[in-house]
Amino acid sequence: MSVLDILHLATACLAVAAGLLALWRVAAGPSLLDRSIANDVLTAAGISLVGVMIVGWGRQDLSVLLVVLALTAFISAVVVSRFAVRERSDARRILTAEEAERQRIEREQAARDADRAEREQAARDAAREADLTAPGAGLPNTEEEDE
């Protein structure tokens, strides 16, 4: 076994180890973006393993597989990044019935407060409009004083 064969074997072992760690990360998560990055690492490990096979075994026919893997990795990364949304830290778990009820009540209260504030603002605007349209309102005093 030559030094070059040992180098190919070491590179293949590192690619397999990276692939196994990436598989663990895909399973562990916790978010979609973590899984997407692990999927990219897994694909990169596969590309490097196929590259070692091409060089080590002299199988140039596997070059097409490199292109397919690279395109698949690119397209999957684009699709995931296009449809990924940021998750809030409290949105990652299932709420208890009490927590869900509390959130519903808070949303309803916020909606009532917003409606009340909107009505008050409309009343202030209407009062201001009424003051401006009253006879003589807002007109400058044009009477001249007699000397």
C-alpha atoms as a PDB file:
ATOM      1  CA  MET A   1       0.000   0.000   0.000  1.00  0.00           C
ATOM      2  CA  SER A   2       1.501   3.279  -1.096  1.00  0.00           C
ATOM      3  CA  VAL A   3       1.435   6.634   0.650  1.00  0.00           C
ATOM      4  CA  LEU A   4      -1.125   7.848  -1.893  1.00  0.00           C
ATOM      5  CA  ASP A   5      -3.426   4.905  -1.110  1.00  0.00           C
ATOM      6  CA  ILE A   6      -3.161   5.677   2.606  1.00  0.00           C
ATOM      7  CA  LEU A   7      -4.024   9.305   1.880  1.00  0.00           C
ATOM      8  CA  HIS A   8      -7.072   8.222  -0.163  1.00  0.00           C
ATOM      9  CA  LEU A   9      -8.179   5.908   2.644  1.00  0.00           C
ATOM     10  CA  ALA A  10      -7.763   8.628   5.290  1.00  0.00           C
ATOM     11  CA  THR A  11      -9.717  11.090   3.170  1.00  0.00           C
ATOM     12  CA  ALA A  12     -12.505   8.550   2.637  1.00  0.00           C
ATOM     13  CA  CYS A  13     -12.628   7.847   6.393  1.00  0.00           C
ATOM     14  CA  LEU A  14     -12.918  11.569   7.146  1.00  0.00           C
ATOM     15  CA  ALA A  15     -15.708  11.916   4.568  1.00  0.00           C
ATOM     16  CA  VAL A  16     -17.597   8.975   6.108  1.00  0.00           C
ATOM     17  CA  ALA A  17     -17.154  10.438   9.612  1.00  0.00           C
ATOM     18  CA  ALA A  18     -18.442  13.820   8.406  1.00  0.00           C
ATOM     19  CA  GLY A  19     -21.392  12.079   6.773  1.00  0.00           C
ATOM     20  CA  LEU A  20     -22.261  10.203   9.963  1.00  0.00           C
ATOM     21  CA  LEU A  21     -22.068  13.373  12.058  1.00  0.00           C
ATOM     22  CA  ALA A  22     -24.246  15.169   9.511  1.00  0.00           C
ATOM     23  CA  LEU A  23     -26.800  12.334   9.648  1.00  0.00           C
ATOM     24  CA  TRP A  24     -26.909  12.701  13.423  1.00  0.00           C
ATOM     25  CA  ARG A  25     -27.482  16.452  13.033  1.00  0.00           C
ATOM     26  CA  VAL A  26     -30.293  15.863  10.526  1.00  0.00           C
ATOM     27  CA  ALA A  27     -31.991  13.601  13.060  1.00  0.00           C
ATOM     28  CA  ALA A  28     -31.351  15.883  16.058  1.00  0.00           C
ATOM     29  CA  GLY A  29     -32.458  19.161  14.475  1.00  0.00           C
ATOM     30  CA  PRO A  30     -33.878  21.176  16.237  1.00  0.00           C
ATOM     31  CA  SER A  31     -34.847  23.591  13.458  1.00  0.00           C
ATOM     32  CA  LEU A  32     -35.349  23.361   9.719  1.00  0.00           C
ATOM     33  CA  LEU A  33     -32.254  25.439   9.033  1.00  0.00           C
ATOM     34  CA  ASP A  34     -30.087  23.153  11.192  1.00  0.00           C
ATOM     35  CA  ARG A  35     -31.319  20.191   9.190  1.00  0.00           C
ATOM     36  CA  SER A  36     -30.738  22.019   5.919  1.00  0.00           C
ATOM     37  CA  ILE A  37     -27.130  22.810   6.801  1.00  0.00           C
ATOM     38  CA  ALA A  38     -26.581  19.221   7.913  1.00  0.00           C
ATOM     39  CA  ASN A  39     -28.023  18.060   4.590  1.00  0.00           C
ATOM     40  CA  ASP A  40     -25.533  20.289   2.761  1.00  0.00           C
ATOM     41  CA  VAL A  41     -22.666  18.861   4.831  1.00  0.00           C
ATOM     42  CA  LEU A  42     -23.903  15.340   4.105  1.00  0.00           C
ATOM     43  CA  THR A  43     -23.964  16.087   0.379  1.00  0.00           C
ATOM     44  CA  ALA A  44     -20.477  17.607   0.544  1.00  0.00           C
ATOM     45  CA  ALA A  45     -19.223  14.483   2.311  1.00  0.00           C
ATOM     46  CA  GLY A  46     -20.784  12.376  -0.425  1.00  0.00           C
ATOM     47  CA  ILE A  47     -19.163  14.523  -3.103  1.00  0.00           C
ATOM     48  CA  SER A  48     -15.766  14.174  -1.446  1.00  0.00           C
ATOM     49  CA  LEU A  49     -16.217  10.407  -1.092  1.00  0.00           C
ATOM     50  CA  VAL A  50     -17.120  10.075  -4.771  1.00  0.00           C
ATOM     51  CA  GLY A  51     -14.129  12.283  -5.634  1.00  0.00           C
ATOM     52  CA  VAL A  52     -11.817   9.966  -3.696  1.00  0.00           C
ATOM     53  CA  MET A  53     -13.351   6.988  -5.506  1.00  0.00           C
ATOM     54  CA  ILE A  54     -12.779   8.644  -8.891  1.00  0.00           C
ATOM     55  CA  VAL A  55      -9.140   9.413  -8.115  1.00  0.00           C
ATOM     56  CA  GLY A  56      -8.334   6.258  -6.142  1.00  0.00           C
ATOM     57  CA  TRP A  57     -10.030   3.722  -8.395  1.00  0.00           C
ATOM     58  CA  GLY A  58      -9.618   5.585 -11.678  1.00  0.00           C
ATOM     59  CA  ARG A  59     -13.393   5.565 -12.342  1.00  0.00           C
ATOM     60  CA  GLN A  60     -14.000   8.668 -14.458  1.00  0.00           C
ATOM     61  CA  ASP A  61     -17.528   7.457 -15.218  1.00  0.00           C
ATOM     62  CA  LEU A  62     -18.519   8.517 -11.692  1.00  0.00           C
ATOM     63  CA  SER A  63     -17.900  12.174 -12.594  1.00  0.00           C
ATOM     64  CA  VAL A  64     -21.540  12.487 -13.633  1.00  0.00           C
ATOM     65  CA  LEU A  65     -22.503  11.559 -10.067  1.00  0.00           C
ATOM     66  CA  LEU A  66     -20.458  14.515  -8.794  1.00  0.00           C
ATOM     67  CA  VAL A  67     -22.405  16.893 -11.012  1.00  0.00           C
ATOM     68  CA  VAL A  68     -25.745  15.404  -9.942  1.00  0.00           C
ATOM     69  CA  LEU A  69     -24.826  15.631  -6.256  1.00  0.00           C
ATOM     70  CA  ALA A  70     -23.666  19.236  -6.618  1.00  0.00           C
ATOM     71  CA  LEU A  71     -26.858  20.270  -8.433  1.00  0.00           C
ATOM     72  CA  THR A  72     -29.005  18.479  -5.876  1.00  0.00           C
ATOM     73  CA  ALA A  73     -27.223  20.230  -3.011  1.00  0.00           C
ATOM     74  CA  PHE A  74     -27.607  23.624  -4.668  1.00  0.00           C
ATOM     75  CA  ILE A  75     -31.293  23.181  -5.491  1.00  0.00           C
ATOM     76  CA  SER A  76     -32.161  21.845  -2.040  1.00  0.00           C
ATOM     77  CA  ALA A  77     -30.377  24.766  -0.347  1.00  0.00           C
ATOM     78  CA  VAL A  78     -32.213  27.275  -2.548  1.00  0.00           C
ATOM     79  CA  VAL A  79     -35.597  25.663  -1.932  1.00  0.00           C
ATOM     80  CA  VAL A  80     -35.134  25.490   1.835  1.00  0.00           C
ATOM     81  CA  SER A  81     -33.861  29.056   2.077  1.00  0.00           C
ATOM     82  CA  ARG A  82     -36.781  30.269  -0.048  1.00  0.00           C
ATOM     83  CA  PHE A  83     -39.441  28.740   2.149  1.00  0.00           C
ATOM     84  CA  ALA A  84     -37.760  28.917   5.546  1.00  0.00           C
ATOM     85  CA  VAL A  85     -39.288  31.215   8.126  1.00  0.00           C
ATOM     86  CA  ARG A  86     -37.799  32.331  11.370  1.00  0.00           C
ATOM     87  CA  GLU A  87     -39.198  30.484  14.341  1.00  0.00           C
ATOM     88  CA  ARG A  88     -39.691  32.180  17.658  1.00  0.00           C
ATOM     89  CA  SER A  89     -38.191  30.307  20.578  1.00  0.00           C
ATOM     90  CA  ASP A  90     -41.596  29.959  22.260  1.00  0.00           C
ATOM     91  CA  ALA A  91     -43.220  28.691  19.050  1.00  0.00           C
ATOM     92  CA  ARG A  92     -41.181  25.488  18.973  1.00  0.00           C
ATOM     93  CA  ARG A  93     -43.225  23.612  21.523  1.00  0.00           C
ATOM     94  CA  ILE A  94     -46.823  22.582  21.934  1.00  0.00           C
ATOM     95  CA  LEU A  95     -48.721  24.805  24.354  1.00  0.00           C
ATOM     96  CA  THR A  96     -50.734  23.514  27.256  1.00  0.00           C
ATOM     97  CA  ALA A  97     -54.450  24.283  27.289  1.00  0.00           C
ATOM     98  CA  GLU A  98     -53.945  26.977  29.931  1.00  0.00           C
ATOM     99  CA  GLU A  99     -51.161  28.676  27.960  1.00  0.00           C
ATOM    100  CA  ALA A 100     -53.211  28.609  24.776  1.00  0.00           C
ATOM    101  CA  GLU A 101     -56.216  30.097  26.587  1.00  0.00           C
ATOM    102  CA  ARG A 102     -54.029  32.809  28.130  1.00  0.00           C
ATOM    103  CA  GLN A 103     -52.609  33.702  24.709  1.00  0.00           C
ATOM    104  CA  ARG A 104     -56.119  33.814  23.214  1.00  0.00           C
ATOM    105  CA  ILE A 105     -57.297  36.163  25.968  1.00  0.00           C
ATOM    106  CA  GLU A 106     -54.233  38.390  25.498  1.00  0.00           C
ATOM    107  CA  ARG A 107     -54.877  38.599  21.732  1.00  0.00           C
ATOM    108  CA  GLU A 108     -58.541  39.466  22.289  1.00  0.00           C
ATOM    109  CA  GLN A 109     -57.598  42.140  24.850  1.00  0.00           C
ATOM    110  CA  ALA A 110     -55.044  43.617  22.463  1.00  0.00           C
ATOM    111  CA  ALA A 111     -57.670  43.716  19.696  1.00  0.00           C
ATOM    112  CA  ARG A 112     -60.158  45.456  22.026  1.00  0.00           C
ATOM    113  CA  ASP A 113     -57.502  47.984  23.079  1.00  0.00           C
ATOM    114  CA  ALA A 114     -56.656  48.683  19.443  1.00  0.00           C
ATOM    115  CA  ASP A 115     -60.346  49.187  18.592  1.00  0.00           C
ATOM    116  CA  ARG A 116     -60.815  51.513  21.569  1.00  0.00           C
ATOM    117  CA  ALA A 117     -57.750  53.553  20.612  1.00  0.00           C
ATOM    118  CA  GLU A 118     -58.985  53.776  17.027  1.00  0.00           C
ATOM    119  CA  ARG A 119     -62.433  54.979  18.159  1.00  0.00           C
ATOM    120  CA  GLU A 120     -60.859  57.570  20.481  1.00  0.00           C
ATOM    121  CA  GLN A 121     -58.637  58.830  17.682  1.00  0.00           C
ATOM    122  CA  ALA A 122     -61.641  59.057  15.342  1.00  0.00           C
ATOM    123  CA  ALA A 123     -63.562  61.018  18.003  1.00  0.00           C
ATOM    124  CA  ARG A 124     -60.634  63.419  18.459  1.00  0.00           C
ATOM    125  CA  ASP A 125     -60.367  63.872  14.698  1.00  0.00           C
ATOM    126  CA  ALA A 126     -64.118  64.515  14.436  1.00  0.00           C
ATOM    127  CA  ALA A 127     -63.989  67.086  17.264  1.00  0.00           C
ATOM    128  CA  ARG A 128     -61.040  68.829  15.633  1.00  0.00           C
ATOM    129  CA  GLU A 129     -62.907  68.854  12.309  1.00  0.00           C
ATOM    130  CA  ALA A 130     -66.017  70.293  14.014  1.00  0.00           C
ATOM    131  CA  ASP A 131     -63.926  73.033  15.640  1.00  0.00           C
ATOM    132  CA  LEU A 132     -62.404  73.977  12.298  1.00  0.00           C
ATOM    133  CA  THR A 133     -65.752  74.133  10.475  1.00  0.00           C
ATOM    134  CA  ALA A 134     -67.536  76.207  13.132  1.00  0.00           C
ATOM    135  CA  PRO A 135     -68.478  79.760  11.969  1.00  0.00           C
ATOM    136  CA  GLY A 136     -65.584  82.137  12.493  1.00  0.00           C
ATOM    137  CA  ALA A 137     -63.257  79.379  13.683  1.00  0.00           C
ATOM    138  CA  GLY A 138     -59.733  79.716  12.551  1.00  0.00           C
ATOM    139  CA  LEU A 139     -60.335  83.068  10.778  1.00  0.00           C
ATOM    140  CA  PRO A 140     -58.001  85.936  11.587  1.00  0.00           C
ATOM    141  CA  ASN A 141     -59.447  89.051  13.163  1.00  0.00           C
ATOM    142  CA  THR A 142     -59.823  91.517  10.254  1.00  0.00           C
ATOM    143  CA  GLU A 143     -61.637  94.303  12.058  1.00  0.00           C
ATOM    144  CA  GLU A 144     -59.684  97.516  12.148  1.00  0.00           C
ATOM    145  CA  GLU A 145     -59.696  99.463  15.311  1.00  0.00           C
ATOM    146  CA  ASP A 146     -60.782 103.130  15.062  1.00  0.00           C
ATOM    147  CA  GLU A 147     -58.240 105.612  16.158  1.00  0.00           C
END
